[in-house]
C-alpha atoms as a PDB file:
ATOM      1  CA  MET A   1       3.622  13.003  -1.788  1.00  0.00           C
ATOM      2  CA  GLU A   2       4.514   9.340  -1.342  1.00  0.00           C
ATOM      3  CA  VAL A   3       1.856   6.962  -0.013  1.00  0.00           C
ATOM      4  CA  VAL A   4       2.959   4.807   2.938  1.00  0.00           C
ATOM      5  CA  VAL A   5       1.234   1.423   2.942  1.00  0.00           C
ATOM      6  CA  LEU A   6       0.882  -0.164   6.376  1.00  0.00           C
ATOM      7  CA  PRO A   7       1.736  -2.686   7.678  1.00  0.00           C
ATOM      8  CA  GLU A   8       3.708  -3.618   4.518  1.00  0.00           C
ATOM      9  CA  ALA A   9       6.151  -0.706   4.908  1.00  0.00           C
ATOM     10  CA  LEU A  10       7.187  -2.030   8.322  1.00  0.00           C
ATOM     11  CA  LYS A  11       8.447  -5.344   6.849  1.00  0.00           C
ATOM     12  CA  LEU A  12       6.398  -7.458   9.261  1.00  0.00           C
ATOM     13  CA  ASN A  13       5.615 -11.146   8.843  1.00  0.00           C
ATOM     14  CA  THR A  14       2.657 -11.072   6.443  1.00  0.00           C
ATOM     15  CA  ASN A  15       1.769 -14.711   7.211  1.00  0.00           C
ATOM     16  CA  ASN A  16       0.243 -13.608  10.506  1.00  0.00           C
ATOM     17  CA  GLY A  17      -3.333 -12.320  10.438  1.00  0.00           C
ATOM     18  CA  ILE A  18      -2.509 -10.129  13.434  1.00  0.00           C
ATOM     19  CA  GLN A  19       0.701  -8.122  13.720  1.00  0.00           C
ATOM     20  CA  SER A  20       2.132  -5.638  16.201  1.00  0.00           C
ATOM     21  CA  TYR A  21       4.862  -3.034  15.941  1.00  0.00           C
ATOM     22  CA  ASN A  22       6.549  -0.684  18.399  1.00  0.00           C
ATOM     23  CA  TYR A  23       6.662   2.499  16.329  1.00  0.00           C
ATOM     24  CA  GLN A  24       8.934   5.394  17.284  1.00  0.00           C
ATOM     25  CA  ARG A  25      10.243   8.531  15.603  1.00  0.00           C
ATOM     26  CA  ALA A  26      12.196  11.585  16.773  1.00  0.00           C
ATOM     27  CA  GLN A  27      10.741  14.124  14.314  1.00  0.00           C
ATOM     28  CA  ASP A  28       7.273  15.450  13.565  1.00  0.00           C
ATOM     29  CA  ILE A  29       5.502  14.438  10.370  1.00  0.00           C
ATOM     30  CA  GLN A  30       2.760  16.532   8.775  1.00  0.00           C
ATOM     31  CA  LYS A  31      -0.213  15.145   6.824  1.00  0.00           C
ATOM     32  CA  ILE A  32       1.526  12.103   5.394  1.00  0.00           C
ATOM     33  CA  LYS A  33      -0.591   9.918   3.091  1.00  0.00           C
ATOM     34  CA  ILE A  34      -1.295   6.550   4.711  1.00  0.00           C
ATOM     35  CA  ASN A  35      -2.965   3.534   3.148  1.00  0.00           C
ATOM     36  CA  LEU A  36      -3.982   1.034   5.820  1.00  0.00           C
ATOM     37  CA  SER A  37      -4.272  -2.331   4.125  1.00  0.00           C
ATOM     38  CA  LYS A  38      -5.439  -3.770   7.454  1.00  0.00           C
ATOM     39  CA  ASN A  39      -7.522  -2.398  10.282  1.00  0.00           C
ATOM     40  CA  THR A  40      -5.212  -0.808  12.836  1.00  0.00           C
ATOM     41  CA  ILE A  41      -5.215   0.116  16.500  1.00  0.00           C
ATOM     42  CA  SER A  42      -2.788   2.837  17.513  1.00  0.00           C
ATOM     43  CA  PHE A  43      -2.023   2.822  21.232  1.00  0.00           C
ATOM     44  CA  LEU A  44      -0.450   6.248  21.587  1.00  0.00           C
ATOM     45  CA  ARG A  45       2.300   6.348  24.233  1.00  0.00           C
ATOM     46  CA  LYS A  46       4.196   9.595  23.683  1.00  0.00           C
ATOM     47  CA  GLY A  47       3.305  12.629  21.555  1.00  0.00           C
ATOM     48  CA  THR A  48       0.103  13.568  19.760  1.00  0.00           C
ATOM     49  CA  LYS A  49      -1.638  12.328  16.623  1.00  0.00           C
ATOM     50  CA  GLU A  50      -4.112  13.870  14.179  1.00  0.00           C
ATOM     51  CA  ILE A  51      -5.899  11.696  11.610  1.00  0.00           C
ATOM     52  CA  ILE A  52      -7.976  13.003   8.730  1.00  0.00           C
ATOM     53  CA  GLY A  53     -10.243  10.319   7.307  1.00  0.00           C
ATOM     54  CA  ASP A  54     -13.092  10.206   4.826  1.00  0.00           C
ATOM     55  CA  ASP A  55     -15.720  11.105   7.429  1.00  0.00           C
ATOM     56  CA  GLN A  56     -14.028  12.779  10.368  1.00  0.00           C
ATOM     57  CA  THR A  57     -10.877  14.342  11.770  1.00  0.00           C
ATOM     58  CA  VAL A  58      -9.620  13.188  15.160  1.00  0.00           C
ATOM     59  CA  LYS A  59      -6.867  14.407  17.475  1.00  0.00           C
ATOM     60  CA  ILE A  60      -5.633  12.238  20.315  1.00  0.00           C
ATOM     61  CA  THR A  61      -3.093  12.365  23.112  1.00  0.00           C
ATOM     62  CA  ASN A  62      -1.646   9.506  25.115  1.00  0.00           C
ATOM     63  CA  GLU A  63      -4.856   9.402  27.157  1.00  0.00           C
ATOM     64  CA  HIS A  64      -6.631   7.726  24.228  1.00  0.00           C
ATOM     65  CA  PHE A  65      -6.159   5.047  21.626  1.00  0.00           C
ATOM     66  CA  VAL A  66      -7.792   4.848  18.217  1.00  0.00           C
ATOM     67  CA  VAL A  67      -9.213   1.941  16.209  1.00  0.00           C
ATOM     68  CA  MET A  68      -8.843   2.716  12.492  1.00  0.00           C
ATOM     69  CA  ARG A  69     -10.713   1.003   9.704  1.00  0.00           C
ATOM     70  CA  SER A  70      -8.615  -0.035   6.687  1.00  0.00           C
ATOM     71  CA  GLY A  71      -8.449   2.575   3.924  1.00  0.00           C
ATOM     72  CA  ASN A  72      -6.821   5.922   3.166  1.00  0.00           C
ATOM     73  CA  CYS A  73      -6.129   8.711   5.624  1.00  0.00           C
ATOM     74  CA  LEU A  74      -3.827  11.665   6.240  1.00  0.00           C
ATOM     75  CA  MET A  75      -1.790  11.498   9.414  1.00  0.00           C
ATOM     76  CA  THR A  76       0.130  14.038  11.465  1.00  0.00           C
ATOM     77  CA  GLU A  77       2.350  12.904  14.334  1.00  0.00           C
ATOM     78  CA  ASN A  78       4.025  15.311  16.760  1.00  0.00           C
ATOM     79  CA  ILE A  79       6.737  14.319  19.194  1.00  0.00           C
ATOM     80  CA  SER A  80       6.311  14.742  22.944  1.00  0.00           C
ATOM     81  CA  ASP A  81       7.699  17.997  24.334  1.00  0.00           C
ATOM     82  CA  SER A  82       8.909  16.157  27.439  1.00  0.00           C
ATOM     83  CA  PHE A  83      10.509  13.068  25.840  1.00  0.00           C
ATOM     84  CA  ARG A  84      11.298  14.512  22.363  1.00  0.00           C
ATOM     85  CA  VAL A  85       9.971  11.347  20.763  1.00  0.00           C
ATOM     86  CA  TYR A  86       6.747  10.022  19.260  1.00  0.00           C
ATOM     87  CA  GLN A  87       5.808   6.463  20.211  1.00  0.00           C
ATOM     88  CA  SER A  88       2.834   4.234  19.605  1.00  0.00           C
ATOM     89  CA  ILE A  89       2.191   0.507  19.684  1.00  0.00           C
ATOM     90  CA  LEU A  90       0.440  -0.521  16.469  1.00  0.00           C
ATOM     91  CA  LEU A  91      -1.796  -3.579  16.263  1.00  0.00           C
ATOM     92  CA  PHE A  92      -2.826  -4.646  12.740  1.00  0.00           C
ATOM     93  CA  PHE A  93      -5.686  -7.074  12.090  1.00  0.00           C
ATOM     94  CA  SER A  94      -7.658  -8.220   9.060  1.00  0.00           C
ATOM     95  CA  ASN A  95     -11.421  -8.281   8.516  1.00  0.00           C
ATOM     96  CA  ALA A  96     -11.196 -12.076   8.614  1.00  0.00           C
ATOM     97  CA  GLU A  97      -9.971 -11.937  12.206  1.00  0.00           C
ATOM     98  CA  VAL A  98     -12.874  -9.666  13.148  1.00  0.00           C
ATOM     99  CA  LEU A  99     -15.416 -11.911  11.429  1.00  0.00           C
ATOM    100  CA  ASN A 100     -13.994 -14.974  13.202  1.00  0.00           C
ATOM    101  CA  PHE A 101     -14.401 -13.206  16.536  1.00  0.00           C
ATOM    102  CA  LEU A 102     -17.944 -12.040  15.731  1.00  0.00           C
ATOM    103  CA  GLU A 103     -18.942 -15.555  14.668  1.00  0.00           C
ATOM    104  CA  LYS A 104     -17.422 -17.160  17.753  1.00  0.00           C
ATOM    105  CA  TYR A 105     -19.163 -14.793  20.159  1.00  0.00           C
ATOM    106  CA  LYS A 106     -22.350 -14.347  18.099  1.00  0.00           C
ATOM    107  CA  GLY A 107     -21.827 -10.629  17.782  1.00  0.00           C
ATOM    108  CA  TYR A 108     -22.480 -10.143  14.073  1.00  0.00           C
ATOM    109  CA  ALA A 109     -25.302  -7.814  13.051  1.00  0.00           C
ATOM    110  CA  LYS A 110     -25.943  -5.571  10.064  1.00  0.00           C
ATOM    111  CA  PRO A 111     -24.670  -2.033  10.782  1.00  0.00           C
ATOM    112  CA  ASN A 112     -27.361   0.650  10.910  1.00  0.00           C
ATOM    113  CA  ASN A 113     -26.057   2.514   7.829  1.00  0.00           C
ATOM    114  CA  GLU A 114     -23.314   4.072   9.946  1.00  0.00           C
ATOM    115  CA  HIS A 115     -19.956   4.760   8.349  1.00  0.00           C
ATOM    116  CA  LYS A 116     -17.065   5.646  10.593  1.00  0.00           C
ATOM    117  CA  SER A 117     -13.368   5.531   9.876  1.00  0.00           C
ATOM    118  CA  PHE A 118     -12.174   5.778  13.481  1.00  0.00           C
ATOM    119  CA  PHE A 119     -13.278   4.869  16.980  1.00  0.00           C
ATOM    120  CA  ILE A 120     -11.681   6.578  19.985  1.00  0.00           C
ATOM    121  CA  PHE A 121     -11.392   4.882  23.372  1.00  0.00           C
ATOM    122  CA  GLU A 122      -9.833   6.015  26.646  1.00  0.00           C
ATOM    123  CA  TYR A 123      -7.045   4.267  28.461  1.00  0.00           C
ATOM    124  CA  ASP A 124      -7.873   2.551  31.733  1.00  0.00           C
ATOM    125  CA  THR A 125      -5.915   0.198  33.957  1.00  0.00           C
ATOM    126  CA  PHE A 126      -6.751  -2.861  31.874  1.00  0.00           C
ATOM    127  CA  ILE A 127      -5.694  -1.206  28.601  1.00  0.00           C
ATOM    128  CA  GLU A 128      -2.490   0.134  30.186  1.00  0.00           C
ATOM    129  CA  ASN A 129      -1.527  -3.388  31.244  1.00  0.00           C
ATOM    130  CA  PHE A 130      -2.557  -4.775  27.865  1.00  0.00           C
ATOM    131  CA  VAL A 131      -0.287  -2.332  26.010  1.00  0.00           C
ATOM    132  CA  LEU A 132       2.603  -3.134  28.355  1.00  0.00           C
ATOM    133  CA  SER A 133       2.144  -6.806  27.492  1.00  0.00           C
ATOM    134  CA  LEU A 134       2.332  -5.957  23.772  1.00  0.00           C
ATOM    135  CA  GLU A 135       5.589  -4.089  24.348  1.00  0.00           C
ATOM    136  CA  GLN A 136       7.031  -7.118  26.139  1.00  0.00           C
ATOM    137  CA  ILE A 137       6.488  -9.530  23.219  1.00  0.00           C
ATOM    138  CA  THR A 138       8.106  -7.379  20.508  1.00  0.00           C
ATOM    139  CA  SER A 139      11.376  -9.311  20.774  1.00  0.00           C
ATOM    140  CA  PHE A 140       9.788 -12.785  20.599  1.00  0.00           C
ATOM    141  CA  SER A 141      10.255 -15.046  17.583  1.00  0.00           C
ATOM    142  CA  ASN A 142       7.718 -14.606  14.777  1.00  0.00           C
ATOM    143  CA  LYS A 143       6.113 -17.966  15.492  1.00  0.00           C
ATOM    144  CA  MET A 144       5.650 -17.357  19.211  1.00  0.00           C
ATOM    145  CA  LYS A 145       4.644 -13.747  18.657  1.00  0.00           C
ATOM    146  CA  GLY A 146       2.002 -14.777  16.120  1.00  0.00           C
ATOM    147  CA  GLN A 147       0.463 -17.325  18.472  1.00  0.00           C
ATOM    148  CA  ILE A 148       0.386 -14.929  21.410  1.00  0.00           C
ATOM    149  CA  LEU A 149      -1.078 -12.086  19.337  1.00  0.00           C
ATOM    150  CA  LYS A 150      -4.074 -14.195  18.356  1.00  0.00           C
ATOM    151  CA  ASN A 151      -4.889 -14.653  22.030  1.00  0.00           C
ATOM    152  CA  LYS A 152      -4.123 -11.017  22.840  1.00  0.00           C
ATOM    153  CA  PHE A 153      -6.428  -9.822  20.059  1.00  0.00           C
ATOM    154  CA  GLU A 154      -9.290 -11.949  21.348  1.00  0.00           C
ATOM    155  CA  GLU A 155      -8.627 -10.722  24.888  1.00  0.00           C
ATOM    156  CA  LEU A 156      -8.767  -7.101  23.756  1.00  0.00           C
ATOM    157  CA  MET A 157     -11.901  -7.566  21.660  1.00  0.00           C
ATOM    158  CA  LEU A 158     -13.684  -9.303  24.524  1.00  0.00           C
ATOM    159  CA  TYR A 159     -12.879  -6.396  26.797  1.00  0.00           C
ATOM    160  CA  LEU A 160     -13.894  -3.693  24.301  1.00  0.00           C
ATOM    161  CA  THR A 161     -17.134  -5.389  23.241  1.00  0.00           C
ATOM    162  CA  HIS A 162     -18.056  -6.014  26.880  1.00  0.00           C
ATOM    163  CA  ASN A 163     -17.694  -2.276  27.583  1.00  0.00           C
ATOM    164  CA  HIS A 164     -18.820  -0.799  24.262  1.00  0.00           C
ATOM    165  CA  GLY A 165     -20.852  -3.457  22.448  1.00  0.00           C
ATOM    166  CA  PHE A 166     -20.238  -5.067  19.056  1.00  0.00           C
ATOM    167  CA  ASP A 167     -21.351  -2.141  16.889  1.00  0.00           C
ATOM    168  CA  PHE A 168     -17.902  -0.727  16.176  1.00  0.00           C
ATOM    169  CA  LEU A 169     -16.652  -4.113  14.938  1.00  0.00           C
ATOM    170  CA  ASN A 170     -19.668  -4.522  12.662  1.00  0.00           C
ATOM    171  CA  VAL A 171     -19.013  -1.078  11.185  1.00  0.00           C
ATOM    172  CA  ILE A 172     -15.371  -2.023  10.557  1.00  0.00           C
ATOM    173  CA  VAL A 173     -16.249  -5.106   8.483  1.00  0.00           C
ATOM    174  CA  ASP A 174     -19.234  -3.561   6.700  1.00  0.00           C
ATOM    175  CA  SER A 175     -18.486  -3.924   2.993  1.00  0.00           C
ATOM    176  CA  LYS A 176     -20.893  -1.385   1.501  1.00  0.00           C
ATOM    177  CA  ASP A 177     -19.181   1.007  -0.890  1.00  0.00           C
ATOM    178  CA  ASP A 178     -21.226   4.166  -1.447  1.00  0.00           C
ATOM    179  CA  LYS A 179     -18.899   6.478  -3.369  1.00  0.00           C
ATOM    180  CA  VAL A 180     -21.328   9.407  -3.350  1.00  0.00           C
ATOM    181  CA  ALA A 181     -21.796   9.248   0.425  1.00  0.00           C
ATOM    182  CA  GLN A 182     -18.052   8.858   0.930  1.00  0.00           C
ATOM    183  CA  LEU A 183     -17.147  11.840  -1.255  1.00  0.00           C
ATOM    184  CA  THR A 184     -19.813  13.999   0.392  1.00  0.00           C
ATOM    185  CA  ALA A 185     -18.526  13.075   3.845  1.00  0.00           C
ATOM    186  CA  ILE A 186     -14.946  13.910   2.837  1.00  0.00           C
ATOM    187  CA  VAL A 187     -15.957  17.281   1.425  1.00  0.00           C
ATOM    188  CA  GLU A 188     -18.202  18.310   4.320  1.00  0.00           C
ATOM    189  CA  ASN A 189     -15.703  17.158   6.940  1.00  0.00           C
ATOM    190  CA  ASN A 190     -12.864  19.108   5.371  1.00  0.00           C
ATOM    191  CA  LYS A 191     -14.542  22.265   4.086  1.00  0.00           C
ATOM    192  CA  LEU A 192     -12.526  24.389   6.526  1.00  0.00           C
ATOM    193  CA  ASN A 193      -9.358  22.282   6.461  1.00  0.00           C
ATOM    194  CA  LYS A 194      -6.483  23.396   4.272  1.00  0.00           C
ATOM    195  CA  LEU A 195      -6.347  20.252   2.129  1.00  0.00           C
ATOM    196  CA  SER A 196      -5.258  20.189  -1.483  1.00  0.00           C
ATOM    197  CA  LEU A 197      -7.349  18.573  -4.211  1.00  0.00           C
ATOM    198  CA  GLU A 198      -4.732  15.821  -4.350  1.00  0.00           C
ATOM    199  CA  GLU A 199      -5.200  15.083  -0.639  1.00  0.00           C
ATOM    200  CA  LEU A 200      -8.998  15.125  -0.914  1.00  0.00           C
ATOM    201  CA  ALA A 201      -8.868  12.780  -3.908  1.00  0.00           C
ATOM    202  CA  PHE A 202      -6.550  10.445  -1.981  1.00  0.00           C
ATOM    203  CA  LEU A 203      -9.038  10.226   0.900  1.00  0.00           C
ATOM    204  CA  ALA A 204     -11.737   9.347  -1.628  1.00  0.00           C
ATOM    205  CA  ASN A 205      -9.434   6.773  -3.258  1.00  0.00           C
ATOM    206  CA  MET A 206      -9.814   8.557  -6.615  1.00  0.00           C
ATOM    207  CA  SER A 207      -7.593  10.294  -9.110  1.00  0.00           C
ATOM    208  CA  VAL A 208      -7.750  14.094  -9.023  1.00  0.00           C
ATOM    209  CA  SER A 209      -9.596  14.197 -12.357  1.00  0.00           C
ATOM    210  CA  THR A 210     -12.197  11.648 -11.191  1.00  0.00           C
ATOM    211  CA  PHE A 211     -12.666  13.515  -7.909  1.00  0.00           C
ATOM    212  CA  LYS A 212     -13.274  16.810  -9.740  1.00  0.00           C
ATOM    213  CA  ARG A 213     -15.724  15.147 -12.126  1.00  0.00           C
ATOM    214  CA  GLU A 214     -17.690  13.420  -9.337  1.00  0.00           C
ATOM    215  CA  PHE A 215     -17.615  16.582  -7.218  1.00  0.00           C
ATOM    216  CA  SER A 216     -19.148  18.623 -10.049  1.00  0.00           C
ATOM    217  CA  LYS A 217     -21.915  16.042 -10.489  1.00  0.00           C
ATOM    218  CA  ILE A 218     -22.909  16.338  -6.825  1.00  0.00           C
ATOM    219  CA  TYR A 219     -22.316  20.032  -6.080  1.00  0.00           C
ATOM    220  CA  LYS A 220     -22.946  21.512  -9.563  1.00  0.00           C
ATOM    221  CA  THR A 221     -19.815  23.659  -9.325  1.00  0.00           C
ATOM    222  CA  THR A 222     -16.046  23.289  -9.201  1.00  0.00           C
ATOM    223  CA  PRO A 223     -14.238  22.226  -6.007  1.00  0.00           C
ATOM    224  CA  MET A 224     -12.231  25.473  -5.939  1.00  0.00           C
ATOM    225  CA  LYS A 225     -15.316  27.708  -6.082  1.00  0.00           C
ATOM    226  CA  TRP A 226     -17.247  25.615  -3.564  1.00  0.00           C
ATOM    227  CA  PHE A 227     -14.458  25.588  -0.990  1.00  0.00           C
ATOM    228  CA  VAL A 228     -13.831  29.328  -1.389  1.00  0.00           C
ATOM    229  CA  ASP A 229     -17.550  29.987  -0.841  1.00  0.00           C
ATOM    230  CA  GLN A 230     -17.624  27.811   2.283  1.00  0.00           C
ATOM    231  CA  ARG A 231     -14.556  29.425   3.816  1.00  0.00           C
ATOM    232  CA  MET A 232     -15.684  32.949   3.000  1.00  0.00           C
ATOM    233  CA  ASN A 233     -19.122  32.302   4.501  1.00  0.00           C
ATOM    234  CA  HIS A 234     -17.410  30.984   7.621  1.00  0.00           C
ATOM    235  CA  ALA A 235     -15.190  34.079   7.750  1.00  0.00           C
ATOM    236  CA  ALA A 236     -18.242  36.300   7.376  1.00  0.00           C
ATOM    237  CA  PHE A 237     -19.952  34.509  10.252  1.00  0.00           C
ATOM    238  CA  LEU A 238     -16.931  34.981  12.530  1.00  0.00           C
ATOM    239  CA  LEU A 239     -16.703  38.658  11.606  1.00  0.00           C
ATOM    240  CA  ARG A 240     -20.418  39.261  11.984  1.00  0.00           C
ATOM    241  CA  THR A 241     -20.480  37.720  15.450  1.00  0.00           C
ATOM    242  CA  ASN A 242     -17.295  39.610  16.414  1.00  0.00           C
ATOM    243  CA  SER A 243     -15.681  36.271  17.236  1.00  0.00           C
ATOM    244  CA  LYS A 244     -12.434  37.256  15.520  1.00  0.00           C
ATOM    245  CA  ARG A 245     -10.737  40.185  13.820  1.00  0.00           C
ATOM    246  CA  PRO A 246      -9.562  39.816  10.190  1.00  0.00           C
ATOM    247  CA  ILE A 247      -5.923  39.498  11.238  1.00  0.00           C
ATOM    248  CA  GLU A 248      -6.853  36.617  13.556  1.00  0.00           C
ATOM    249  CA  LEU A 249      -8.649  34.428  11.047  1.00  0.00           C
ATOM    250  CA  TYR A 250      -7.009  34.607   7.613  1.00  0.00           C
ATOM    251  CA  GLU A 251      -4.860  31.516   8.284  1.00  0.00           C
ATOM    252  CA  GLU A 252      -7.881  29.612   9.578  1.00  0.00           C
ATOM    253  CA  ILE A 253      -9.641  30.337   6.286  1.00  0.00           C
ATOM    254  CA  GLY A 254      -6.686  28.984   4.331  1.00  0.00           C
ATOM    255  CA  TYR A 255      -4.791  32.101   3.218  1.00  0.00           C
ATOM    256  CA  GLU A 256      -1.059  32.621   3.562  1.00  0.00           C
ATOM    257  CA  ASN A 257      -1.305  36.329   4.352  1.00  0.00           C
ATOM    258  CA  LEU A 258      -3.836  38.978   5.333  1.00  0.00           C
ATOM    259  CA  SER A 259      -3.594  40.883   2.042  1.00  0.00           C
ATOM    260  CA  ASN A 260      -4.712  37.929  -0.092  1.00  0.00           C
ATOM    261  CA  PHE A 261      -7.561  37.204   2.319  1.00  0.00           C
ATOM    262  CA  VAL A 262      -8.769  40.824   2.205  1.00  0.00           C
ATOM    263  CA  GLN A 263      -8.725  40.837  -1.623  1.00  0.00           C
ATOM    264  CA  ALA A 264     -10.627  37.547  -1.831  1.00  0.00           C
ATOM    265  CA  PHE A 265     -13.173  38.653   0.762  1.00  0.00           C
ATOM    266  CA  LYS A 266     -13.774  41.955  -1.048  1.00  0.00           C
ATOM    267  CA  LYS A 267     -14.292  40.079  -4.330  1.00  0.00           C
ATOM    268  CA  GLN A 268     -16.847  37.820  -2.604  1.00  0.00           C
ATOM    269  CA  PHE A 269     -18.792  40.414  -0.583  1.00  0.00           C
ATOM    270  CA  GLY A 270     -18.000  43.779  -2.190  1.00  0.00           C
ATOM    271  CA  MET A 271     -16.300  45.181   0.902  1.00  0.00           C
ATOM    272  CA  THR A 272     -13.252  44.517   3.067  1.00  0.00           C
ATOM    273  CA  PRO A 273     -13.497  42.255   6.142  1.00  0.00           C
ATOM    274  CA  LYS A 274     -13.096  45.318   8.401  1.00  0.00           C
ATOM    275  CA  GLN A 275     -15.917  47.166   6.627  1.00  0.00           C
ATOM    276  CA  TYR A 276     -18.110  44.064   6.797  1.00  0.00           C
ATOM    277  CA  GLN A 277     -17.513  43.738  10.519  1.00  0.00           C
ATOM    278  CA  THR A 278     -18.134  47.428  11.175  1.00  0.00           C
ATOM    279  CA  GLU A 279     -21.321  47.604   9.097  1.00  0.00           C
ATOM    280  CA  GLY A 280     -22.595  44.293  10.525  1.00  0.00           C
END
């Protein structure tokens, strides 16, 4: 699967530290690999978005916008049923711009060991008007647009930090690089998601072979066995609590059909899912 690097793929003026783009598409995309070379805010206007990062998975509608830290993620975008289009206004900004803002307004502080890839905020009247103003400057010349965006970015950051504090900005520019913690977060966050080893390795910014090697060091087993165990244990819990019947959960556990799920479950627990549920 090809990796899309943003904002470079959008052919924007790279001389500007802050860039905006009115992004639209008329078809869904599923789990595309995205490398954000800059921090990004996605103001969702039409459709829905799901983002899988190295520490969490988020789903948003056009009632929310998301601030995304630079790095790798998997992204799904679905068009609006009403408008048959997906639209978002993207605002790209570098760590340098964040640090300049934090220095100017004395907001810098060491993060409290928190690592987050995304921050979700709700739309309100101010944000609605702010996004409309971004839409209105898309046709301006690069020079004028660049100057205005600097002011717009500061305006937005002042509003968000007034309402939510400076913590999220400090987390964004935190430079610590704990590969063990990152890999563990990716694995734990996606133990029930149907991600391939290639996708998991991409989130960890590793090759597949390096990911498998580092995984084995931490978990003392192979990724395939560990993920099967986690999903089977989850299936057993759902069956034991009568939350779902076997036919209702095989896809959730990551199997293409009921027959394969039944065979795998029997190999794991020595009985079929139906027998397990009945005897439980």
